Amino acid sequence: MTGGSASPVTLDSGQRYNKLMKFYYTYVLKSIKDQKLYIGSTGDIKERFKAHNQGEVKSTKNRRPFNLIYFEACQDKKQAEKREKYFKTGYGRKFLRDRI
């Protein structure tokens, strides 16, 4: 084998592992104000949840505050967006009702 060398992946360090694994999330928020659900996806669930509750998201700012009631970790953005789209269907909403 010629060329560069690859560094081994060590799983004993959570910090190194987390840098290698980038997750995207599909999440469901429930408005405490009107009890309605909001479904979305993001690459940083903590920051996105904070943004919703601080009124920084136009589509939800009048429905604050929110509780995070469900989320799924996905391996890539496309998969997270696909799950978001599914949860917005009748079948997806039934799936959520059965689990929440």
Protein backbone atom coordinates (compact mmCIF):
# COMPACT_ATOMS: atom_id res chain seq x y z
CA MET A 1 0.00 0.00 0.00
CA THR A 2 1.48 3.35 -0.98
CA GLY A 3 0.51 6.89 -0.17
CA GLY A 4 -0.77 8.19 3.17
CA SER A 5 -1.64 6.19 6.20
CA ALA A 6 -4.97 5.97 7.94
CA SER A 7 -5.27 6.57 11.67
CA PRO A 8 -7.00 3.84 13.62
CA VAL A 9 -10.35 4.61 15.19
CA THR A 10 -10.31 4.22 18.94
CA LEU A 11 -13.63 3.78 20.66
CA ASP A 12 -12.19 4.15 24.15
CA SER A 13 -12.44 7.92 23.86
CA GLY A 14 -16.02 9.13 23.63
CA GLN A 15 -14.82 12.52 22.46
CA ARG A 16 -12.96 11.06 19.48
CA TYR A 17 -15.90 8.80 18.63
CA ASN A 18 -18.41 11.66 18.78
CA LYS A 19 -16.32 13.69 16.35
CA LEU A 20 -16.40 10.82 13.88
CA MET A 21 -20.14 10.17 14.20
CA LYS A 22 -22.36 13.04 13.05
CA PHE A 23 -26.02 12.37 13.71
CA TYR A 24 -29.09 14.16 12.46
CA TYR A 25 -32.33 14.08 14.37
CA THR A 26 -36.03 13.96 13.67
CA TYR A 27 -37.92 15.40 16.61
CA VAL A 28 -41.43 16.08 17.87
CA LEU A 29 -42.28 19.02 20.09
CA LYS A 30 -45.54 19.51 21.94
CA SER A 31 -46.71 23.04 22.61
CA ILE A 32 -47.67 23.60 26.23
CA LYS A 33 -49.78 26.55 25.06
CA ASP A 34 -52.03 24.80 22.50
CA GLN A 35 -51.11 21.08 22.94
CA LYS A 36 -50.33 20.75 19.21
CA LEU A 37 -47.32 18.93 17.80
CA TYR A 38 -44.47 20.32 15.74
CA ILE A 39 -42.30 17.91 13.73
CA GLY A 40 -38.85 18.83 12.44
CA SER A 41 -35.31 17.65 11.77
CA THR A 42 -31.92 19.08 12.66
CA GLY A 43 -28.22 18.38 13.02
CA ASP A 44 -28.12 19.82 16.56
CA ILE A 45 -31.16 18.87 18.61
CA LYS A 46 -30.13 20.80 21.75
CA GLU A 47 -29.64 24.07 19.88
CA ARG A 48 -32.79 23.63 17.80
CA PHE A 49 -34.93 22.92 20.89
CA LYS A 50 -33.47 26.01 22.55
CA ALA A 51 -34.21 28.10 19.44
CA HIS A 52 -37.84 26.96 19.41
CA ASN A 53 -38.33 27.87 23.07
CA GLN A 54 -36.60 31.24 22.70
CA GLY A 55 -38.91 32.25 19.85
CA GLU A 56 -36.19 32.20 17.20
CA VAL A 57 -38.15 29.89 14.87
CA LYS A 58 -40.78 31.82 12.91
CA SER A 59 -43.21 28.91 12.53
CA THR A 60 -43.36 28.17 16.27
CA LYS A 61 -42.63 31.43 18.08
CA ASN A 62 -46.31 32.09 18.90
CA ARG A 63 -46.84 28.57 20.30
CA ARG A 64 -44.14 28.57 23.00
CA PRO A 65 -43.14 26.95 25.29
CA PHE A 66 -42.49 23.42 24.06
CA ASN A 67 -41.63 20.03 25.47
CA LEU A 68 -39.49 17.62 23.46
CA ILE A 69 -41.64 14.49 23.49
CA TYR A 70 -39.93 12.25 20.91
CA PHE A 71 -36.79 12.11 18.79
CA GLU A 72 -34.86 9.69 16.61
CA ALA A 73 -31.17 9.78 15.70
CA CYS A 74 -30.42 9.23 12.01
CA GLN A 75 -27.11 8.59 10.27
CA ASP A 76 -27.53 11.33 7.69
CA LYS A 77 -29.56 14.44 6.90
CA LYS A 78 -31.50 12.78 4.07
CA GLN A 79 -32.70 9.98 6.37
CA ALA A 80 -33.75 12.50 9.07
CA GLU A 81 -35.71 14.53 6.50
CA LYS A 82 -37.36 11.36 5.20
CA ARG A 83 -38.49 10.44 8.75
CA GLU A 84 -39.76 14.01 9.26
CA LYS A 85 -41.85 13.75 6.10
CA TYR A 86 -43.20 10.34 7.22
CA PHE A 87 -44.23 11.67 10.65
CA LYS A 88 -46.27 14.36 8.90
CA THR A 89 -48.42 11.71 7.17
CA GLY A 90 -51.46 9.99 8.66
CA TYR A 91 -49.47 6.79 9.18
CA GLY A 92 -46.64 8.70 10.79
CA ARG A 93 -48.97 10.54 13.17
CA LYS A 94 -50.54 7.21 14.14
CA PHE A 95 -47.05 5.81 14.79
CA LEU A 96 -46.36 8.75 17.10
CA ARG A 97 -49.73 8.52 18.89
CA ASP A 98 -49.07 4.85 19.63
CA ARG A 99 -45.71 5.68 21.23
CA ILE A 100 -46.32 8.95 23.03
